[in-house]
Amino acid sequence: MSNPKAIIVTIGDEILIGQITDTNSQWLAQNLFNEGFTVTKMISIGDNPAEVSSILEYTKNKFDLVIFTGGLGPTNDDKTKLVLTHWFNSELLLNQDVLDDIKQMVYRRTGNTILNQRNQDQALVPKCCEVLRNQVGTAPGMVFNRIENNTVYISLPGVPFEMKWLYENHVRSFLQQNFEITPQTYDLFYVMGISESALAHRLEEWENRLPDDWKPAYLPSAGLIKLRIFRPRPLTEQYNQMISELIVLLGENFVAKNEESVQDALTKILMENNLSIGTAESCTGGNLAKTFTTKSGAGNYFKGSVVAYSNDVKMNILGVKPETLKHFGAVSRETAEQMAQGLARQLECEIAIATTGVAGPTGGTESKPVGTVWISIYVKGQLFSEKFQFSTLRDVNIERSTNTAIYLTYKYLLNFIKQ
């Protein structure tokens, strides 16, 4: 039996003009996939009643589930509820439970017990729907389960945290009770230090032996490839054997799997070996430090960072020798290594990462074009340095330098510990 088909529809002019990013579709798609649905379309439309009506007609009998987000607020541009009421030949009725929820919400936010007319109108819901009470906002969710149309429609607020709360507290259980679905998932392998084409070539024979529904997808980003493989339910011995072969083929390019990120893998080594780390950054401009400090508990191993963008800071704070800068330049192995050594000395950390390069789009020369980057890793007195030639795009160069530096630190530190 095939998975139920779903479509996600986000409503809001702010999405179409690029004012906000549509994170709702991504989050819903992931969760619907996990539940057992096949999301075949994601559509964004404006705050236009005619467009909402058109989507309702289009989706009827074509999808098992339609989820709308947006258009349920108290302002004049929010028309989704009215369109749904009309389309289902229903009428709006005051829902006392929703009204009480709104009163409590407004009181918590403002200390006021009196609702204005717009707040009161949010307690009007279509007579034919199942109401999903919202404990974190003023707009309730709604379910329209019309068996004769063979399509279930769910309307949720567009505010991301409200949408997520309603899904997790109401929608998920509704879907599990009303659809024949089997949870599904995939394995995600984080691969670094190899190009997408080289990886595909390495895995070609292995991939040819896979059943069609296990074929991997290659999801490349700057300096990182995510290899996704759909996992069968239940797990089979054949699948486990193929994954074991994959790990061997990936070798040192395999860094992390599933919920564990590349940074998590590095953090685990640091914590298990009671090691501290710091960053000396030129071309990455603090992005490496940001990557470490976004994780809770980073203070247990991350000492700090010096953003040595100017040569003065390289010399006066990190101890890079003036003659090094004069003879080799700021973008060189020698400068990167002295930056790493200087940081380890200043912060008294066992591990130091140094980056220096030409991020662009200006500043390149014939010998050191835009995208030239040196990364040096200091590990308890030993230095490991590599040169890279990335792209001509500044943002890409910063991201690739950051990801590559984390990977190199992971690789060299792992080898160092094994010695």
Protein backbone atom coordinates (compact mmCIF):
# COMPACT_ATOMS: atom_id res chain seq x y z
CA MET A 1 0.00 0.00 0.00
CA SER A 2 1.42 3.38 -1.02
CA ASN A 3 1.89 6.23 1.41
CA PRO A 4 -0.88 8.86 1.64
CA LYS A 5 -0.17 11.90 -0.53
CA ALA A 6 0.12 15.33 1.08
CA ILE A 7 0.50 18.91 -0.09
CA ILE A 8 1.68 21.88 1.99
CA VAL A 9 0.31 25.34 1.17
CA THR A 10 1.78 28.44 2.81
CA ILE A 11 -0.20 31.66 2.61
CA GLY A 12 1.24 35.17 2.87
CA ASP A 13 2.37 38.01 0.63
CA GLU A 14 5.43 38.34 2.90
CA ILE A 15 6.67 34.97 1.63
CA LEU A 16 6.22 35.84 -2.05
CA ILE A 17 8.13 39.11 -1.80
CA GLY A 18 10.98 37.48 0.12
CA GLN A 19 10.33 39.38 3.33
CA ILE A 20 10.41 36.16 5.37
CA THR A 21 11.72 32.66 4.75
CA ASP A 22 9.17 29.87 4.52
CA THR A 23 10.45 27.61 7.29
CA ASN A 24 6.98 26.14 7.87
CA SER A 25 7.05 24.04 4.71
CA GLN A 26 10.44 22.57 5.53
CA TRP A 27 9.42 21.68 9.08
CA LEU A 28 6.07 20.21 8.06
CA ALA A 29 7.60 18.21 5.20
CA GLN A 30 10.11 16.61 7.55
CA ASN A 31 7.45 15.71 10.10
CA LEU A 32 4.94 14.43 7.55
CA PHE A 33 7.64 12.26 6.00
CA ASN A 34 8.47 10.83 9.41
CA GLU A 35 4.79 10.07 10.02
CA GLY A 36 4.52 8.13 6.76
CA PHE A 37 3.19 10.62 4.20
CA THR A 38 4.58 11.39 0.76
CA VAL A 39 4.70 15.16 0.29
CA THR A 40 4.37 15.65 -3.47
CA LYS A 41 3.99 19.45 -3.58
CA MET A 42 4.74 22.57 -1.58
CA ILE A 43 3.06 25.77 -2.78
CA SER A 44 3.19 29.38 -1.56
CA ILE A 45 0.38 31.78 -2.43
CA GLY A 46 -0.50 35.36 -1.51
CA ASP A 47 -3.20 36.67 0.81
CA ASN A 48 -5.75 36.40 -1.96
CA PRO A 49 -9.13 34.68 -1.37
CA ALA A 50 -9.36 33.67 -5.03
CA GLU A 51 -6.01 31.88 -4.83
CA VAL A 52 -7.04 30.02 -1.68
CA SER A 53 -10.27 28.93 -3.40
CA SER A 54 -8.32 27.83 -6.46
CA ILE A 55 -6.04 25.67 -4.31
CA LEU A 56 -9.05 24.09 -2.60
CA GLU A 57 -10.53 23.12 -5.97
CA TYR A 58 -7.21 21.90 -7.33
CA THR A 59 -6.44 19.66 -4.36
CA LYS A 60 -9.89 18.06 -4.06
CA ASN A 61 -9.65 14.28 -4.63
CA LYS A 62 -6.00 14.60 -5.74
CA PHE A 63 -4.41 14.51 -2.29
CA ASP A 64 -5.18 12.68 0.91
CA LEU A 65 -4.04 15.59 3.07
CA VAL A 66 -3.80 19.34 2.52
CA ILE A 67 -2.16 21.50 5.20
CA PHE A 68 -2.50 25.28 5.03
CA THR A 69 -0.41 27.62 7.17
CA GLY A 70 -1.12 31.33 7.37
CA GLY A 71 -3.98 33.74 6.88
CA LEU A 72 -5.67 33.15 10.25
CA GLY A 73 -4.67 36.37 12.04
CA PRO A 74 -6.90 39.25 13.15
CA THR A 75 -5.99 41.70 10.36
CA ASN A 76 -7.84 42.54 7.15
CA ASP A 77 -5.43 40.61 4.94
CA ASP A 78 -6.11 37.31 6.75
CA LYS A 79 -8.93 35.70 4.73
CA THR A 80 -8.24 31.96 4.95
CA LYS A 81 -10.94 31.22 7.54
CA LEU A 82 -13.62 33.05 5.55
CA VAL A 83 -12.69 31.25 2.33
CA LEU A 84 -12.77 27.86 4.04
CA THR A 85 -16.16 28.62 5.61
CA HIS A 86 -17.62 29.56 2.24
CA TRP A 87 -16.03 26.66 0.37
CA PHE A 88 -17.45 24.10 2.80
CA ASN A 89 -20.90 25.77 2.68
CA SER A 90 -20.73 26.43 6.40
CA GLU A 91 -21.17 29.36 8.74
CA LEU A 92 -19.10 31.01 11.44
CA LEU A 93 -20.10 30.36 15.04
CA LEU A 94 -18.66 31.65 18.29
CA ASN A 95 -16.64 28.95 20.06
CA GLN A 96 -16.66 29.68 23.79
CA ASP A 97 -13.62 27.51 24.49
CA VAL A 98 -11.59 29.41 21.91
CA LEU A 99 -12.87 32.72 23.28
CA ASP A 100 -11.74 31.72 26.77
CA ASP A 101 -8.33 30.72 25.38
CA ILE A 102 -7.98 34.10 23.69
CA LYS A 103 -8.97 35.96 26.88
CA GLN A 104 -6.33 34.09 28.85
CA MET A 105 -3.71 34.68 26.17
CA VAL A 106 -4.43 38.42 25.96
CA TYR A 107 -4.39 38.71 29.74
CA ARG A 108 -1.01 36.98 29.97
CA ARG A 109 0.42 39.28 27.33
CA THR A 110 -1.12 42.60 28.36
CA GLY A 111 -2.77 42.18 31.74
CA ASN A 112 -5.99 43.33 30.07
CA THR A 113 -9.23 41.35 30.39
CA ILE A 114 -11.12 43.27 27.71
CA LEU A 115 -10.91 42.00 24.11
CA ASN A 116 -11.18 44.23 21.10
CA GLN A 117 -13.47 43.20 18.28
CA ARG A 118 -10.69 41.69 16.18
CA ASN A 119 -9.62 39.42 19.04
CA GLN A 120 -13.22 38.37 19.59
CA ASP A 121 -13.66 37.58 15.90
CA GLN A 122 -10.85 35.05 16.13
CA ALA A 123 -13.16 32.93 18.29
CA LEU A 124 -15.53 32.60 15.32
CA VAL A 125 -14.90 29.25 13.64
CA PRO A 126 -16.66 27.33 10.83
CA LYS A 127 -19.47 25.18 12.16
CA CYS A 128 -18.32 22.16 10.14
CA CYS A 129 -14.71 22.01 11.37
CA GLU A 130 -12.97 20.29 14.24
CA VAL A 131 -11.33 23.02 16.30
CA LEU A 132 -7.71 22.68 17.42
CA ARG A 133 -7.37 24.87 20.50
CA ASN A 134 -4.25 27.00 20.51
CA GLN A 135 -2.57 27.51 23.89
CA VAL A 136 0.29 29.64 22.55
CA GLY A 137 -1.57 32.07 20.26
CA THR A 138 -4.96 33.55 19.51
CA ALA A 139 -5.78 31.76 16.24
CA PRO A 140 -7.13 28.19 16.57
CA GLY A 141 -6.31 25.47 14.07
CA MET A 142 -9.08 23.79 12.08
CA VAL A 143 -9.61 20.34 10.58
CA PHE A 144 -12.09 19.73 7.75
CA ASN A 145 -12.56 16.00 7.38
CA ARG A 146 -14.95 15.65 4.45
CA ILE A 147 -15.06 11.96 3.60
CA GLU A 148 -16.98 12.50 0.37
CA ASN A 149 -14.13 14.58 -1.03
CA ASN A 150 -11.50 11.98 -0.08
CA THR A 151 -9.31 14.83 1.15
CA VAL A 152 -8.61 16.09 4.66
CA TYR A 153 -7.89 19.80 5.01
CA ILE A 154 -6.04 21.24 7.99
CA SER A 155 -5.57 24.98 8.50
CA LEU A 156 -2.90 26.20 10.93
CA PRO A 157 -1.56 29.65 11.89
CA GLY A 158 1.45 30.89 9.96
CA VAL A 159 3.44 31.92 13.04
CA PRO A 160 6.04 29.12 13.18
CA PHE A 161 5.99 28.41 16.93
CA GLU A 162 2.17 28.34 16.95
CA MET A 163 2.05 26.04 13.93
CA LYS A 164 4.56 23.67 15.52
CA TRP A 165 2.73 23.61 18.85
CA LEU A 166 -0.59 22.77 17.19
CA TYR A 167 0.99 20.07 15.06
CA GLU A 168 2.75 18.42 17.98
CA ASN A 169 -0.19 18.66 20.38
CA HIS A 170 -3.14 18.04 18.04
CA VAL A 171 -2.35 17.31 14.41
CA ARG A 172 0.07 14.42 14.88
CA SER A 173 -2.40 12.36 16.93
CA PHE A 174 -5.20 13.18 14.48
CA LEU A 175 -3.12 11.93 11.54
CA GLN A 176 -2.15 8.75 13.36
CA GLN A 177 -5.79 8.02 14.19
CA ASN A 178 -7.28 8.82 10.79
CA PHE A 179 -4.71 7.57 8.27
CA GLU A 180 -3.11 4.19 7.61
CA ILE A 181 0.49 5.30 7.87
CA THR A 182 3.78 3.64 8.72
CA PRO A 183 6.61 5.79 10.13
CA GLN A 184 9.55 6.14 7.79
CA THR A 185 13.03 7.51 8.12
CA TYR A 186 16.45 7.68 6.48
CA ASP A 187 20.10 7.52 7.44
CA LEU A 188 22.18 10.63 6.83
CA PHE A 189 25.96 10.34 6.49
CA TYR A 190 28.14 13.47 6.74
CA VAL A 191 31.07 13.22 4.34
CA MET A 192 33.93 15.74 4.05
CA GLY A 193 37.26 16.15 2.33
CA ILE A 194 36.09 14.78 -1.03
CA SER A 195 34.22 16.22 -4.02
CA GLU A 196 30.74 15.08 -4.98
CA SER A 197 31.94 13.57 -8.27
CA ALA A 198 34.83 11.75 -6.59
CA LEU A 199 32.48 10.37 -3.96
CA ALA A 200 29.99 9.16 -6.57
CA HIS A 201 32.83 7.46 -8.46
CA ARG A 202 34.08 5.77 -5.29
CA LEU A 203 30.59 4.46 -4.45
CA GLU A 204 29.55 3.52 -7.99
CA GLU A 205 29.95 -0.26 -7.72
CA TRP A 206 28.44 -0.33 -4.22
CA GLU A 207 25.52 1.84 -5.33
CA ASN A 208 24.79 -0.43 -8.31
CA ARG A 209 24.20 -3.33 -5.93
CA LEU A 210 21.55 -1.46 -3.94
CA PRO A 211 17.81 -2.01 -4.42
CA ASP A 212 16.20 0.96 -6.18
CA ASP A 213 14.42 2.24 -3.07
CA TRP A 214 17.74 2.43 -1.19
CA LYS A 215 19.57 4.50 -3.82
CA PRO A 216 21.43 7.36 -2.08
CA ALA A 217 20.89 11.06 -2.68
CA TYR A 218 23.90 13.39 -2.66
CA LEU A 219 23.21 16.68 -0.87
CA PRO A 220 26.29 18.89 -1.28
CA SER A 221 27.00 22.19 0.44
CA ALA A 222 30.15 24.22 0.97
CA GLY A 223 32.77 21.70 2.07
CA LEU A 224 30.23 19.09 3.16
CA ILE A 225 28.24 16.32 1.47
CA LYS A 226 25.22 14.74 3.13
CA LEU A 227 24.55 11.27 1.82
CA ARG A 228 20.91 10.28 2.39
CA ILE A 229 19.69 6.68 2.20
CA PHE A 230 16.11 5.68 2.95
CA ARG A 231 16.04 3.07 5.69
CA PRO A 232 13.70 0.07 5.28
CA ARG A 233 11.15 -0.80 7.96
CA PRO A 234 11.87 -3.19 9.54
CA LEU A 235 15.63 -3.13 9.23
CA THR A 236 17.07 -6.03 7.28
CA GLU A 237 20.39 -7.82 7.52
CA GLN A 238 21.07 -6.90 3.89
CA TYR A 239 20.68 -3.20 4.69
CA ASN A 240 22.98 -3.43 7.71
CA GLN A 241 25.58 -5.23 5.60
CA MET A 242 25.44 -2.60 2.84
CA ILE A 243 25.82 0.21 5.37
CA SER A 244 28.82 -1.52 6.92
CA GLU A 245 30.40 -1.67 3.45
CA LEU A 246 29.60 2.02 2.96
CA ILE A 247 31.40 3.05 6.15
CA VAL A 248 34.51 1.18 5.01
CA LEU A 249 34.37 2.82 1.56
CA LEU A 250 34.00 6.31 3.03
CA GLY A 251 37.02 5.82 5.28
CA GLU A 252 38.30 8.99 6.94
CA ASN A 253 35.91 11.08 4.85
CA PHE A 254 33.01 9.79 6.97
CA VAL A 255 32.62 12.12 9.95
CA ALA A 256 29.14 11.85 11.45
CA LYS A 257 25.76 10.20 11.04
CA ASN A 258 22.12 11.25 11.47
CA GLU A 259 21.53 13.57 14.44
CA GLU A 260 25.24 13.96 15.18
CA SER A 261 26.72 16.84 13.21
CA VAL A 262 30.35 17.20 12.15
CA GLN A 263 30.86 19.68 14.96
CA ASP A 264 29.28 17.20 17.40
CA ALA A 265 31.81 14.57 16.32
CA LEU A 266 34.70 16.96 16.98
CA THR A 267 33.20 18.07 20.30
CA LYS A 268 32.92 14.45 21.41
CA ILE A 269 36.66 13.89 20.86
CA LEU A 270 37.52 17.09 22.74
CA MET A 271 35.33 16.21 25.71
CA GLU A 272 36.41 12.57 25.92
CA ASN A 273 40.09 13.57 25.94
CA ASN A 274 39.70 16.65 28.15
CA LEU A 275 41.10 18.96 25.44
CA SER A 276 40.52 22.67 24.97
CA ILE A 277 40.39 24.51 21.66
CA GLY A 278 40.48 28.05 20.29
CA THR A 279 40.44 29.80 16.92
CA ALA A 280 42.65 32.41 15.29
CA GLU A 281 40.69 33.75 12.35
CA SER A 282 41.42 36.07 9.51
CA CYS A 283 39.36 35.17 6.42
CA THR A 284 36.61 33.43 8.44
CA GLY A 285 36.09 36.54 10.54
CA GLY A 286 34.85 34.78 13.67
CA ASN A 287 32.60 32.30 11.88
CA LEU A 288 34.54 29.36 13.31
CA ALA A 289 34.07 30.68 16.84
CA LYS A 290 30.37 31.19 16.15
CA THR A 291 30.09 27.58 14.99
CA PHE A 292 31.53 26.33 18.27
CA THR A 293 29.60 28.68 20.57
CA THR A 294 26.17 27.99 19.09
CA LYS A 295 26.29 24.68 20.99
CA SER A 296 25.29 24.65 24.64
CA GLY A 297 28.16 23.63 26.89
CA ALA A 298 30.87 24.98 24.59
CA GLY A 299 32.51 26.63 27.58
CA ASN A 300 33.71 23.21 28.68
CA TYR A 301 36.20 23.00 25.82
CA PHE A 302 36.19 26.25 23.80
CA LYS A 303 38.67 28.78 25.20
CA GLY A 304 38.04 31.71 22.87
CA SER A 305 38.97 33.36 19.60
CA VAL A 306 41.11 36.12 18.13
CA VAL A 307 39.77 37.64 14.91
CA ALA A 308 43.10 38.80 13.51
CA TYR A 309 41.87 40.56 10.41
CA SER A 310 44.65 43.13 10.27
CA ASN A 311 48.36 42.43 10.19
CA ASP A 312 48.78 44.53 13.34
CA VAL A 313 46.59 42.11 15.29
CA LYS A 314 48.40 39.14 13.78
CA MET A 315 51.70 40.58 15.00
CA ASN A 316 50.77 42.23 18.31
CA ILE A 317 48.27 39.66 19.65
CA LEU A 318 49.25 36.39 17.99
CA GLY A 319 52.97 36.99 17.65
CA VAL A 320 53.28 36.60 13.89
CA LYS A 321 56.76 37.85 12.98
CA PRO A 322 56.98 41.00 10.84
CA GLU A 323 59.51 39.31 8.57
CA THR A 324 57.05 36.46 8.01
CA LEU A 325 54.43 38.88 6.73
CA LYS A 326 57.02 40.71 4.67
CA HIS A 327 58.53 37.67 2.96
CA PHE A 328 55.54 35.31 2.73
CA GLY A 329 52.49 37.56 3.13
CA ALA A 330 49.42 37.28 5.32
CA VAL A 331 48.03 34.43 3.20
CA SER A 332 50.71 31.79 3.63
CA ARG A 333 51.57 28.59 5.46
CA GLU A 334 54.07 30.44 7.61
CA THR A 335 51.56 33.06 8.77
CA ALA A 336 48.82 30.50 9.41
CA GLU A 337 51.16 28.36 11.52
CA GLN A 338 52.41 31.28 13.57
CA MET A 339 48.80 32.38 14.13
CA ALA A 340 47.93 28.92 15.44
CA GLN A 341 51.01 28.75 17.66
CA GLY A 342 50.39 32.25 18.99
CA LEU A 343 46.79 31.52 19.85
CA ALA A 344 47.68 28.29 21.67
CA ARG A 345 50.23 30.25 23.66
CA GLN A 346 47.90 33.15 24.47
CA LEU A 347 44.87 31.03 25.42
CA GLU A 348 46.79 28.08 26.83
CA CYS A 349 44.75 25.61 24.80
CA GLU A 350 45.89 22.25 23.46
CA ILE A 351 44.24 22.72 20.05
CA ALA A 352 44.26 25.86 17.89
CA ILE A 353 42.77 26.45 14.46
CA ALA A 354 44.07 29.27 12.27
CA THR A 355 42.58 30.49 9.00
CA THR A 356 43.97 33.08 6.61
CA GLY A 357 42.98 33.68 3.02
CA VAL A 358 41.50 35.88 0.31
CA ALA A 359 37.74 35.71 0.83
CA GLY A 360 37.01 38.11 -2.04
CA PRO A 361 35.58 39.38 -4.20
CA THR A 362 38.57 41.76 -4.18
CA GLY A 363 42.09 41.41 -2.87
CA GLY A 364 43.30 38.56 -5.06
CA THR A 365 46.57 38.52 -6.96
CA GLU A 366 47.98 36.34 -9.73
CA SER A 367 49.86 34.20 -7.21
CA LYS A 368 47.10 34.28 -4.59
CA PRO A 369 43.76 34.57 -6.36
CA VAL A 370 40.44 35.01 -4.59
CA GLY A 371 39.57 31.79 -2.78
CA THR A 372 43.14 31.00 -1.70
CA VAL A 373 43.01 29.81 1.91
CA TRP A 374 45.57 28.40 4.32
CA ILE A 375 44.34 26.44 7.34
CA SER A 376 46.71 25.43 10.11
CA ILE A 377 45.85 23.11 12.99
CA TYR A 378 48.00 23.14 16.14
CA VAL A 379 47.71 19.93 18.19
CA LYS A 380 49.84 19.81 21.34
CA GLY A 381 52.95 21.17 19.68
CA GLN A 382 52.42 19.62 16.27
CA LEU A 383 51.33 21.62 13.24
CA PHE A 384 49.21 20.39 10.33
CA SER A 385 48.70 22.86 7.48
CA GLU A 386 46.95 22.70 4.13
CA LYS A 387 46.32 25.10 1.28
CA PHE A 388 42.98 25.29 -0.56
CA GLN A 389 41.63 27.03 -3.61
CA PHE A 390 37.93 27.67 -3.12
CA SER A 391 35.56 29.85 -5.15
CA THR A 392 35.31 33.51 -6.15
CA LEU A 393 32.28 34.08 -3.89
CA ARG A 394 32.93 35.59 -0.47
CA ASP A 395 30.12 33.86 1.45
CA VAL A 396 31.00 30.49 -0.06
CA ASN A 397 34.68 30.93 0.79
CA ILE A 398 33.90 31.75 4.42
CA GLU A 399 31.57 28.76 4.75
CA ARG A 400 33.92 26.35 2.99
CA SER A 401 36.86 27.55 5.08
CA THR A 402 34.84 27.07 8.27
CA ASN A 403 33.61 23.58 7.38
CA THR A 404 37.00 22.48 6.10
CA ALA A 405 38.78 23.75 9.19
CA ILE A 406 36.45 21.76 11.44
CA TYR A 407 36.92 18.64 9.31
CA LEU A 408 40.72 18.96 9.29
CA THR A 409 40.76 19.43 13.05
CA TYR A 410 38.60 16.34 13.46
CA LYS A 411 40.80 14.28 11.11
CA TYR A 412 44.17 15.32 12.51
CA LEU A 413 43.03 15.14 16.11
CA LEU A 414 41.62 11.65 15.59
CA ASN A 415 44.89 10.47 14.05
CA PHE A 416 46.89 12.17 16.79
CA ILE A 417 44.94 10.38 19.53
CA LYS A 418 45.35 7.00 17.80
CA GLN A 419 49.14 7.34 17.79
